[in-house]
Amino acid sequence: MRLWPSSLAGRTALVLLVGLIVVQVAGLTIHALDRVDIQNLAAARLSAERVRALIRTAVFSPPASRESAVDDIDLPPGMTAELSDVPEARGGPPLPPPMRELLRIGAAGPPPPPRGQAAPSSPPPAHRRMQLRPREGRDYFISGLEGRRPGYLLSVRLPDGAWLNVHAALPPPRPWHSPTFLIAFILMTVAAAGLTLWAVRRLTRPVRLLADAAERLGRDVNAAPLPETGPSEVATAAAAFNTMASRIRRFVQDRTEMLAAIGHDLRTPITRLRLRAEFMDDDEQRAKMLADLAEMEKMIGATLAFARDEAATEPATPVDLAGLARTVVDEAADAAPEATEKLSYDGPSHLTVRARPVALKRALANLVGNALAYGGAARVRLVPPSNGQIRLMVEDDGPGIPAADMERVFQPFQRLEGSRNRETGGTGLGLPIARNILRAHGGDVTLANRPAGGLVATMTLPA
C-alpha cells in the first residue's frame, strides 16, 4: 500500500500506466511469438533447400568424386554432411510433422539443365534417378536431435547403397534482435506515459480547484465563487458548490442580523434597569444590582461576538505577528500593573503573516487573559515558520487541566470547577472564540500541560 498514491491524479495515472505496461507486454509477447515462428519457418526452409541441394549433388555425382562434391557445397552454420555405410538417423527421437512436411524429401529430383541448354527429352537412366517416394525405413530415416536445440538428423540412401547423413541444427530464435526495436519501444512508452500524465493532470485539475475552493470557503465565507466552466460534470459540480456557498453566506448573514437585533433589544431593558437601580435607597442592594447588570451586559456582548464570528467578515491583510504579540502583552500589563513581571514576549522582532488583525488580536488577547486569570502568568513565545506553520505559544504557571477536559473547554459556556479558580468570573466563551478565529485563518488552538507545571496554549497559523 505504500506504492498506492494518495491523490486522485496519482491513482488514475498509476492505473493507466500499469494498464499501458500490461498492454505493451502482451503486444510484445505476441510480436515475439510471431517473430519466433517466422524465424523458425525461415530457418527450416533454408535448411530444407540446402538438404535438397545436398541430396541432388550426392545422387548425381559419380561415387569417386561424391565426397569432394558434398564438401564443396556451402552449408549454413550448424549443418554438416558426411557419407557413410550406415544410416545415423535410425532409432532417434521422432521429428515433428511440420518439419517433415517442410523437408519434402520425396520432391528431390534431377537438377535443372544448365543455362542455355534444353531439357533432355528422355529421362535419365534408372541408376541416376533418385526415387525416395517409397516408404520410410528403407530409403531414408529422419529423427530429431538430442537436447534442447531444435534440429534434425537425416539419413538418405544413395543409388549405390551408400548413405548421406546430414546433421542440421537450426539457429535459436532471436525475437529481440532488431536494432531499432528497443528504441521504438522506449519512445512509445515514454510518449504514452507523458500523454497519460498530462491528460490525468488536466482532467483532475477541476477536482483540485474544487478542493481549494472548499478550503477557502472554510476560511472565508465570502470567498470568490468557482468558475462554472469545463466538462458538463465539472460545471454541474461547480454550480452546486456555488449554490451551497451562497446559501451558507445567506444563513450567516441572517443569523448575524438576528443576533444584532436581539442585542439591540436586550440593551434597552438593561439600560432602563440600570437607571432604576440608581434611584434605590439601599446602597448595598444598588451596588449588587448594578454589578449583576454589568455582568449581564458583558455576557450578552461576548455571546453576540461569538455568534457573529467577526473573523469571517474582516478582510485579511499583511500583519506583523511579532508586533501584534508585543502589543497584546503591553496592553495586558497596562490593564493589570501588578502582573507586569509575569508578562513577557520571546521571539523574533518581526514576522509578517497574512491575517485579519482585529480578530487575531482578539484571539491572542483571550489566551493571554485566560493565562493571567487562571494561571497567574502569561509568557508569549513566537516560533519562526517550520513545515509551513507558525506557532505562537502562551504559557502560564497554573495547575493545568485534566487531559479529559482538554477539548471540553473549547465548547461554549464550559468552565472547569476543580482545576481552575471559578471566582475569577468569565462566560466560558474565550477559548471557543479563539479557536473559531484561528480555524477561520486555517490554523488551530490546542492545549497541553507543561511537564514543569502549568498550561501551554499553542496557536498555529499557515506560514
Protein backbone atom coordinates (compact mmCIF):
# COMPACT_ATOMS: atom_id res chain seq x y z
CA MET A 1 0.00 0.00 0.00
CA ARG A 2 2.98 2.34 0.26
CA LEU A 3 3.11 2.44 -3.56
CA TRP A 4 -0.57 3.41 -3.80
CA PRO A 5 -0.74 7.23 -4.26
CA SER A 6 -3.00 9.30 -2.05
CA SER A 7 -4.19 11.72 -4.74
CA LEU A 8 -6.83 11.01 -7.38
CA ALA A 9 -4.44 12.11 -10.14
CA GLY A 10 -1.71 9.79 -8.87
CA ARG A 11 -4.03 6.79 -8.59
CA THR A 12 -5.53 7.39 -12.05
CA ALA A 13 -2.10 7.82 -13.61
CA LEU A 14 -0.80 4.69 -11.88
CA VAL A 15 -3.75 2.58 -13.06
CA LEU A 16 -3.39 3.86 -16.63
CA LEU A 17 0.38 3.33 -16.64
CA VAL A 18 0.01 -0.21 -15.29
CA GLY A 19 -2.62 -0.91 -17.93
CA LEU A 20 -0.32 0.53 -20.59
CA ILE A 21 2.53 -1.69 -19.42
CA VAL A 22 0.29 -4.77 -19.44
CA VAL A 23 -0.91 -3.97 -22.97
CA GLN A 24 2.66 -3.32 -24.13
CA VAL A 25 3.90 -6.58 -22.62
CA ALA A 26 1.02 -8.52 -24.17
CA GLY A 27 1.62 -6.92 -27.56
CA LEU A 28 5.35 -7.53 -27.36
CA THR A 29 4.78 -11.15 -26.36
CA ILE A 30 2.52 -11.72 -29.37
CA HIS A 31 5.07 -9.96 -31.58
CA ALA A 32 7.90 -12.09 -30.18
CA LEU A 33 5.97 -15.33 -30.65
CA ASP A 34 5.13 -14.39 -34.24
CA ARG A 35 8.73 -13.43 -34.87
CA VAL A 36 9.93 -16.75 -33.44
CA ASP A 37 7.54 -18.65 -35.72
CA ILE A 38 8.71 -16.66 -38.75
CA GLN A 39 12.35 -17.19 -37.86
CA ASN A 40 11.84 -20.90 -37.34
CA LEU A 41 9.99 -21.16 -40.65
CA ALA A 42 12.69 -19.23 -42.50
CA ALA A 43 15.47 -21.27 -40.91
CA ALA A 44 13.68 -24.55 -41.68
CA ARG A 45 13.09 -23.55 -45.32
CA LEU A 46 16.72 -22.58 -45.78
CA SER A 47 17.81 -25.81 -44.17
CA ALA A 48 15.44 -27.84 -46.35
CA GLU A 49 16.72 -26.16 -49.54
CA ARG A 50 20.30 -26.95 -48.60
CA VAL A 51 19.38 -30.55 -47.80
CA ARG A 52 17.72 -30.99 -51.17
CA ALA A 53 20.77 -29.50 -52.83
CA LEU A 54 22.98 -31.95 -50.92
CA ILE A 55 20.81 -34.88 -51.96
CA ARG A 56 20.81 -33.84 -55.64
CA THR A 57 24.57 -33.35 -55.57
CA ALA A 58 25.20 -36.71 -53.90
CA VAL A 59 22.82 -38.58 -56.22
CA PHE A 60 24.07 -37.18 -59.50
CA SER A 61 27.76 -37.13 -58.62
CA PRO A 62 29.97 -40.09 -59.51
CA PRO A 63 30.90 -42.17 -56.46
CA ALA A 64 34.59 -41.28 -56.85
CA SER A 65 34.00 -37.53 -56.65
CA ARG A 66 30.90 -37.61 -54.49
CA GLU A 67 32.68 -36.77 -51.22
CA SER A 68 34.51 -33.76 -52.65
CA ALA A 69 31.31 -32.53 -54.30
CA VAL A 70 29.46 -32.73 -51.00
CA ASP A 71 32.29 -30.89 -49.20
CA ASP A 72 32.23 -28.09 -51.78
CA ILE A 73 28.61 -27.17 -51.03
CA ASP A 74 28.24 -24.02 -48.89
CA LEU A 75 26.28 -25.12 -45.85
CA PRO A 76 24.67 -22.81 -43.29
CA PRO A 77 26.03 -22.67 -39.73
CA GLY A 78 25.05 -25.71 -37.69
CA MET A 79 24.72 -28.08 -40.70
CA THR A 80 27.18 -30.84 -41.56
CA ALA A 81 27.04 -33.64 -44.12
CA GLU A 82 29.04 -36.83 -44.44
CA LEU A 83 28.92 -40.10 -46.37
CA SER A 84 28.71 -43.37 -44.51
CA ASP A 85 27.85 -47.02 -44.98
CA VAL A 86 25.15 -46.96 -42.26
CA PRO A 87 22.30 -44.52 -41.52
CA GLU A 88 22.79 -42.49 -38.36
CA ALA A 89 19.18 -41.31 -38.09
CA ARG A 90 17.85 -44.78 -37.40
CA GLY A 91 16.26 -45.10 -33.95
CA GLY A 92 16.43 -41.39 -32.98
CA PRO A 93 13.62 -39.28 -31.49
CA PRO A 94 10.78 -38.52 -33.90
CA LEU A 95 10.76 -35.28 -35.89
CA PRO A 96 7.71 -33.02 -35.64
CA PRO A 97 5.33 -33.43 -38.62
CA PRO A 98 5.66 -29.76 -39.76
CA MET A 99 9.41 -30.22 -40.20
CA ARG A 100 8.91 -33.47 -42.07
CA GLU A 101 6.48 -31.80 -44.46
CA LEU A 102 8.83 -28.86 -44.97
CA LEU A 103 11.78 -31.06 -45.89
CA ARG A 104 9.79 -32.75 -48.70
CA ILE A 105 12.38 -35.43 -49.24
CA GLY A 106 10.36 -37.11 -51.98
CA ALA A 107 10.50 -33.97 -54.14
CA ALA A 108 14.25 -34.19 -54.64
CA GLY A 109 14.85 -34.96 -58.29
CA PRO A 110 17.31 -34.30 -61.11
CA PRO A 111 18.88 -30.87 -61.21
CA PRO A 112 17.67 -28.35 -63.78
CA PRO A 113 19.61 -28.20 -67.08
CA PRO A 114 22.45 -25.70 -67.44
CA ARG A 115 21.50 -22.23 -68.64
CA GLY A 116 21.19 -22.13 -72.42
CA GLN A 117 20.55 -25.86 -72.82
CA ALA A 118 17.23 -27.57 -73.39
CA ALA A 119 15.92 -30.14 -71.00
CA PRO A 120 16.60 -33.75 -72.06
CA SER A 121 13.75 -35.31 -74.00
CA SER A 122 14.13 -38.65 -72.24
CA PRO A 123 14.55 -39.28 -68.51
CA PRO A 124 17.98 -40.19 -67.15
CA PRO A 125 18.88 -43.80 -66.61
CA ALA A 126 17.36 -45.55 -63.67
CA HIS A 127 20.61 -45.72 -61.77
CA ARG A 128 20.86 -41.90 -61.96
CA ARG A 129 17.34 -41.28 -60.83
CA MET A 130 16.59 -40.80 -57.17
CA GLN A 131 13.35 -42.33 -56.06
CA LEU A 132 12.69 -41.59 -52.39
CA ARG A 133 8.98 -41.90 -52.57
CA PRO A 134 8.95 -45.46 -51.24
CA ARG A 135 8.24 -45.97 -47.62
CA GLU A 136 10.43 -44.55 -44.90
CA GLY A 137 12.78 -47.00 -43.24
CA ARG A 138 14.31 -48.32 -46.41
CA ASP A 139 15.41 -45.29 -48.42
CA TYR A 140 15.65 -42.61 -45.70
CA PHE A 141 15.41 -42.06 -41.98
CA ILE A 142 14.60 -38.77 -40.16
CA SER A 143 14.94 -38.11 -36.44
CA GLY A 144 15.21 -35.14 -34.15
CA LEU A 145 18.39 -34.01 -32.39
CA GLU A 146 19.00 -34.78 -28.76
CA GLY A 147 18.92 -31.83 -26.35
CA ARG A 148 17.04 -28.54 -26.35
CA ARG A 149 18.44 -27.10 -29.55
CA PRO A 150 15.96 -27.55 -32.45
CA GLY A 151 17.11 -29.51 -35.48
CA TYR A 152 17.09 -32.89 -37.12
CA LEU A 153 19.24 -35.77 -38.37
CA LEU A 154 18.55 -37.07 -41.89
CA SER A 155 19.96 -40.24 -43.45
CA VAL A 156 19.34 -40.76 -47.19
CA ARG A 157 20.24 -43.95 -49.10
CA LEU A 158 22.01 -43.23 -52.37
CA PRO A 159 21.53 -45.33 -55.54
CA ASP A 160 24.76 -47.28 -54.97
CA GLY A 161 23.79 -48.20 -51.39
CA ALA A 162 25.82 -45.54 -49.55
CA TRP A 163 24.17 -43.29 -47.03
CA LEU A 164 24.25 -39.47 -46.81
CA ASN A 165 23.95 -38.34 -43.16
CA VAL A 166 23.00 -34.69 -42.64
CA HIS A 167 23.17 -33.05 -39.19
CA ALA A 168 21.13 -29.82 -39.19
CA ALA A 169 20.94 -27.75 -36.01
CA LEU A 170 18.57 -24.82 -36.51
CA PRO A 171 19.75 -21.45 -35.10
CA PRO A 172 17.94 -20.37 -31.93
CA PRO A 173 15.22 -17.76 -32.44
CA ARG A 174 16.13 -14.14 -31.68
CA PRO A 175 12.86 -12.24 -31.15
CA TRP A 176 14.55 -9.05 -29.88
CA HIS A 177 17.39 -8.91 -32.40
CA SER A 178 16.02 -5.89 -34.27
CA PRO A 179 18.37 -2.92 -33.63
CA THR A 180 15.52 -0.38 -33.66
CA PHE A 181 13.10 -2.42 -31.58
CA LEU A 182 14.32 -1.27 -28.16
CA ILE A 183 14.49 2.39 -29.24
CA ALA A 184 10.98 2.24 -30.69
CA PHE A 185 9.66 0.57 -27.55
CA ILE A 186 11.22 3.19 -25.26
CA LEU A 187 9.93 6.07 -27.39
CA MET A 188 6.41 4.60 -27.47
CA THR A 189 6.39 4.02 -23.73
CA VAL A 190 7.72 7.48 -22.87
CA ALA A 191 5.28 9.18 -25.26
CA ALA A 192 2.31 7.20 -23.91
CA ALA A 193 3.35 7.82 -20.28
CA GLY A 194 3.79 11.55 -20.90
CA LEU A 195 0.43 11.80 -22.62
CA THR A 196 -1.21 9.84 -19.80
CA LEU A 197 0.24 12.08 -17.08
CA TRP A 198 -0.71 15.24 -18.98
CA ALA A 199 -4.26 14.03 -19.57
CA VAL A 200 -4.72 12.89 -15.96
CA ARG A 201 -3.47 16.19 -14.53
CA ARG A 202 -5.69 18.15 -16.89
CA LEU A 203 -8.76 16.02 -16.17
CA THR A 204 -8.28 16.07 -12.39
CA ARG A 205 -7.47 19.79 -12.21
CA PRO A 206 -11.17 20.75 -11.67
CA VAL A 207 -11.29 18.38 -8.68
CA ARG A 208 -8.21 20.08 -7.20
CA LEU A 209 -9.76 23.50 -7.80
CA LEU A 210 -12.95 22.34 -6.10
CA ALA A 211 -10.95 21.17 -3.07
CA ASP A 212 -9.10 24.50 -2.91
CA ALA A 213 -12.37 26.40 -3.14
CA ALA A 214 -13.85 24.32 -0.30
CA GLU A 215 -10.79 25.11 1.84
CA ARG A 216 -11.10 28.84 1.06
CA LEU A 217 -14.78 28.74 1.94
CA GLY A 218 -13.87 27.22 5.31
CA ARG A 219 -11.59 30.19 5.97
CA ASP A 220 -13.62 32.94 4.32
CA VAL A 221 -17.34 32.60 3.81
CA ASN A 222 -17.18 35.47 1.30
CA ALA A 223 -14.63 33.74 -0.95
CA ALA A 224 -14.98 34.20 -4.70
CA PRO A 225 -17.20 31.64 -6.47
CA LEU A 226 -15.86 28.90 -8.70
CA PRO A 227 -15.96 29.38 -12.49
CA GLU A 228 -18.72 27.20 -13.91
CA THR A 229 -16.80 26.08 -16.98
CA GLY A 230 -15.31 22.86 -18.34
CA PRO A 231 -16.99 19.48 -18.91
CA SER A 232 -20.65 19.15 -18.01
CA GLU A 233 -19.93 17.14 -14.84
CA VAL A 234 -17.37 19.70 -13.64
CA ALA A 235 -19.67 22.64 -14.44
CA THR A 236 -22.55 20.95 -12.59
CA ALA A 237 -20.35 20.34 -9.53
CA ALA A 238 -19.09 23.96 -9.59
CA ALA A 239 -22.66 25.28 -9.85
CA ALA A 240 -23.76 23.10 -6.92
CA PHE A 241 -20.77 24.29 -4.88
CA ASN A 242 -21.52 27.96 -5.63
CA THR A 243 -25.15 27.42 -4.67
CA MET A 244 -24.11 25.84 -1.38
CA ALA A 245 -21.69 28.71 -0.65
CA SER A 246 -24.42 31.26 -1.41
CA ARG A 247 -26.80 29.55 1.00
CA ILE A 248 -24.14 29.46 3.71
CA ARG A 249 -23.46 33.19 3.26
CA ARG A 250 -27.16 33.94 3.42
CA PHE A 251 -27.53 31.84 6.56
CA VAL A 252 -24.61 33.58 8.26
CA GLN A 253 -25.95 36.98 7.27
CA ASP A 254 -29.45 36.18 8.55
CA ARG A 255 -28.05 34.88 11.83
CA THR A 256 -25.86 37.96 12.27
CA GLU A 257 -28.76 40.33 11.61
CA MET A 258 -31.00 38.40 14.01
CA LEU A 259 -28.38 38.48 16.78
CA ALA A 260 -27.74 42.15 16.22
CA ALA A 261 -31.44 42.81 16.64
CA ILE A 262 -31.58 40.69 19.81
CA GLY A 263 -28.56 42.51 21.23
CA HIS A 264 -30.13 45.87 20.48
CA ASP A 265 -33.42 44.87 22.08
CA LEU A 266 -31.70 43.45 25.20
CA ARG A 267 -29.59 46.53 25.81
CA THR A 268 -32.67 48.72 26.06
CA PRO A 269 -34.23 46.99 29.14
CA ILE A 270 -30.78 46.63 30.73
CA THR A 271 -30.29 50.37 30.42
CA ARG A 272 -33.72 51.00 31.99
CA LEU A 273 -32.90 48.65 34.87
CA ARG A 274 -29.60 50.42 35.46
CA LEU A 275 -31.38 53.79 35.63
CA ARG A 276 -33.95 52.43 38.09
CA ALA A 277 -31.20 50.92 40.21
CA GLU A 278 -29.61 54.35 40.58
CA PHE A 279 -32.71 55.54 42.44
CA MET A 280 -32.59 52.77 45.04
CA ASP A 281 -32.05 53.96 48.62
CA ASP A 282 -30.21 50.85 49.77
CA ASP A 283 -26.61 51.34 48.72
CA GLU A 284 -25.70 47.69 49.13
CA GLN A 285 -28.59 46.43 47.02
CA ARG A 286 -27.95 49.13 44.41
CA ALA A 287 -24.31 48.02 44.07
CA LYS A 288 -25.28 44.38 43.72
CA MET A 289 -27.89 45.13 41.11
CA LEU A 290 -25.53 47.29 39.08
CA ALA A 291 -22.88 44.54 39.25
CA ASP A 292 -25.39 41.97 38.03
CA LEU A 293 -26.48 44.24 35.18
CA ALA A 294 -22.84 44.86 34.19
CA GLU A 295 -22.15 41.10 34.18
CA MET A 296 -25.29 40.51 32.14
CA GLU A 297 -24.28 43.13 29.60
CA LYS A 298 -20.80 41.64 29.39
CA MET A 299 -22.23 38.16 28.82
CA ILE A 300 -24.55 39.45 26.09
CA GLY A 301 -21.67 41.21 24.37
CA ALA A 302 -19.48 38.10 24.48
CA THR A 303 -22.32 35.89 23.22
CA LEU A 304 -23.09 38.24 20.33
CA ALA A 305 -19.42 38.45 19.41
CA PHE A 306 -19.12 34.65 19.41
CA ALA A 307 -22.27 34.21 17.33
CA ARG A 308 -21.39 36.92 14.80
CA ASP A 309 -17.99 35.30 14.05
CA GLU A 310 -16.48 38.65 13.06
CA ALA A 311 -13.33 36.88 11.79
CA ALA A 312 -15.28 35.72 8.73
CA THR A 313 -16.13 39.25 7.57
CA GLU A 314 -12.91 41.16 8.32
CA PRO A 315 -10.58 41.44 5.29
CA ALA A 316 -7.17 39.75 5.50
CA THR A 317 -4.08 41.98 5.32
CA PRO A 318 -0.33 41.58 5.99
CA VAL A 319 0.18 41.64 9.79
CA ASP A 320 3.37 41.81 11.83
CA LEU A 321 2.63 38.92 14.18
CA ALA A 322 5.57 39.75 16.45
CA GLY A 323 4.43 43.37 16.85
CA LEU A 324 0.86 42.20 17.45
CA ALA A 325 2.02 39.82 20.22
CA ARG A 326 4.06 42.58 21.91
CA THR A 327 1.05 44.93 21.74
CA VAL A 328 -1.22 42.38 23.43
CA VAL A 329 1.36 41.80 26.18
CA ASP A 330 1.77 45.56 26.74
CA GLU A 331 -1.98 46.12 26.91
CA ALA A 332 -2.36 43.28 29.39
CA ALA A 333 0.39 44.84 31.53
CA ASP A 334 -1.40 48.23 31.43
CA ALA A 335 -4.68 46.61 32.49
CA ALA A 336 -3.02 44.65 35.34
CA PRO A 337 0.07 46.58 36.58
CA GLU A 338 0.55 44.12 39.42
CA ALA A 339 1.19 41.32 36.90
CA THR A 340 3.75 43.16 34.75
CA GLU A 341 6.62 40.94 35.85
CA LYS A 342 4.63 37.85 34.91
CA LEU A 343 4.08 39.02 31.35
CA SER A 344 6.78 38.55 28.70
CA TYR A 345 7.36 38.06 24.99
CA ASP A 346 10.06 35.89 23.41
CA GLY A 347 10.61 35.56 19.68
CA PRO A 348 11.70 37.38 16.52
CA SER A 349 11.31 41.14 16.31
CA HIS A 350 9.30 40.94 13.07
CA LEU A 351 7.29 38.17 11.40
CA THR A 352 4.74 39.08 8.75
CA VAL A 353 1.71 36.88 8.01
CA ARG A 354 -1.49 37.46 6.10
CA ALA A 355 -4.34 37.53 8.60
CA ARG A 356 -7.30 39.51 9.94
CA PRO A 357 -5.58 41.76 12.50
CA VAL A 358 -8.55 42.63 14.75
CA ALA A 359 -9.78 39.06 15.01
CA LEU A 360 -6.28 37.64 15.53
CA LYS A 361 -5.55 40.20 18.24
CA ARG A 362 -8.77 39.28 19.99
CA ALA A 363 -7.88 35.55 19.93
CA LEU A 364 -4.43 36.19 21.38
CA ALA A 365 -5.84 38.59 23.97
CA ASN A 366 -8.32 35.90 25.09
CA LEU A 367 -5.50 33.38 25.57
CA VAL A 368 -3.32 35.88 27.43
CA GLY A 369 -6.27 36.94 29.61
CA ASN A 370 -7.05 33.32 30.46
CA ALA A 371 -3.40 32.63 31.31
CA LEU A 372 -3.30 35.61 33.68
CA ALA A 373 -6.68 34.89 35.25
CA TYR A 374 -6.27 31.16 35.77
CA GLY A 375 -2.51 30.59 35.67
CA GLY A 376 -1.07 33.72 37.25
CA ALA A 377 1.34 34.42 34.35
CA ALA A 378 1.40 34.78 30.55
CA ARG A 379 4.64 34.16 28.67
CA VAL A 380 4.15 34.59 24.93
CA ARG A 381 6.66 32.80 22.68
CA LEU A 382 6.70 33.09 18.88
CA VAL A 383 8.40 30.32 16.89
CA PRO A 384 9.64 31.06 13.33
CA PRO A 385 7.94 29.17 10.45
CA SER A 386 8.62 25.43 10.28
CA ASN A 387 6.99 22.85 7.96
CA GLY A 388 4.68 25.53 6.60
CA GLN A 389 3.33 26.55 10.03
CA ILE A 390 3.86 29.36 12.53
CA ARG A 391 3.45 28.61 16.23
CA LEU A 392 2.57 31.18 18.88
CA MET A 393 2.53 29.75 22.42
CA VAL A 394 1.12 31.23 25.63
CA GLU A 395 2.43 29.58 28.83
CA ASP A 396 1.19 30.06 32.40
CA ASP A 397 2.10 28.78 35.87
CA GLY A 398 -1.30 27.44 36.89
CA PRO A 399 -2.27 23.91 37.95
CA GLY A 400 -3.15 22.85 34.42
CA ILE A 401 -6.29 20.97 33.46
CA PRO A 402 -7.09 17.23 33.26
CA ALA A 403 -6.36 15.58 29.91
CA ALA A 404 -10.01 14.50 29.61
CA ASP A 405 -11.10 18.17 29.66
CA MET A 406 -8.66 19.45 27.01
CA GLU A 407 -11.35 19.53 24.31
CA ARG A 408 -14.36 20.17 26.54
CA VAL A 409 -13.11 23.62 27.48
CA PHE A 410 -13.44 24.68 23.82
CA GLN A 411 -17.20 24.16 23.94
CA PRO A 412 -19.25 27.34 24.50
CA PHE A 413 -20.12 28.24 28.13
CA GLN A 414 -17.94 25.44 29.54
CA ARG A 415 -15.97 26.31 32.67
CA LEU A 416 -13.93 23.95 34.82
CA GLU A 417 -14.69 23.87 38.51
CA GLY A 418 -11.86 21.86 40.04
CA SER A 419 -8.62 22.79 38.32
CA ARG A 420 -9.38 26.50 37.73
CA ASN A 421 -10.45 29.30 40.01
CA ARG A 422 -14.16 29.87 39.43
CA GLU A 423 -14.19 33.14 41.39
CA THR A 424 -12.37 34.94 38.58
CA GLY A 425 -15.58 35.07 36.56
CA GLY A 426 -15.87 34.71 32.83
CA THR A 427 -18.50 33.45 30.43
CA GLY A 428 -16.76 30.35 29.07
CA LEU A 429 -16.50 31.84 25.58
CA GLY A 430 -12.85 32.98 25.45
CA LEU A 431 -11.40 29.70 24.20
CA PRO A 432 -14.25 28.94 21.73
CA ILE A 433 -13.88 32.42 20.23
CA ALA A 434 -10.11 31.99 19.93
CA ARG A 435 -10.48 28.60 18.22
CA ASN A 436 -13.10 29.90 15.79
CA ILE A 437 -10.83 32.78 14.82
CA LEU A 438 -7.75 30.59 14.35
CA ARG A 439 -9.63 27.97 12.34
CA ALA A 440 -11.04 30.70 10.14
CA HIS A 441 -7.39 31.56 9.39
CA GLY A 442 -6.58 27.94 8.50
CA GLY A 443 -4.91 27.23 11.86
CA ASP A 444 -5.99 25.95 15.25
CA VAL A 445 -5.58 26.26 19.03
CA THR A 446 -4.57 23.35 21.24
CA LEU A 447 -3.90 23.00 24.96
CA ALA A 448 -1.30 20.87 26.74
CA ASN A 449 0.01 20.56 30.29
CA ARG A 450 3.65 21.52 30.72
CA PRO A 451 5.98 18.94 32.30
CA ALA A 452 7.27 21.58 34.75
CA GLY A 453 3.73 22.64 35.66
CA GLY A 454 1.26 24.99 34.12
CA LEU A 455 -0.57 25.05 30.81
CA VAL A 456 0.54 25.99 27.30
CA ALA A 457 -1.90 27.16 24.64
CA THR A 458 -0.44 26.77 21.13
CA MET A 459 -1.77 28.82 18.24
CA THR A 460 -0.89 27.61 14.74
CA LEU A 461 -1.13 29.65 11.57
CA PRO A 462 -0.20 28.81 7.96
CA ALA A 463 3.11 30.43 7.04
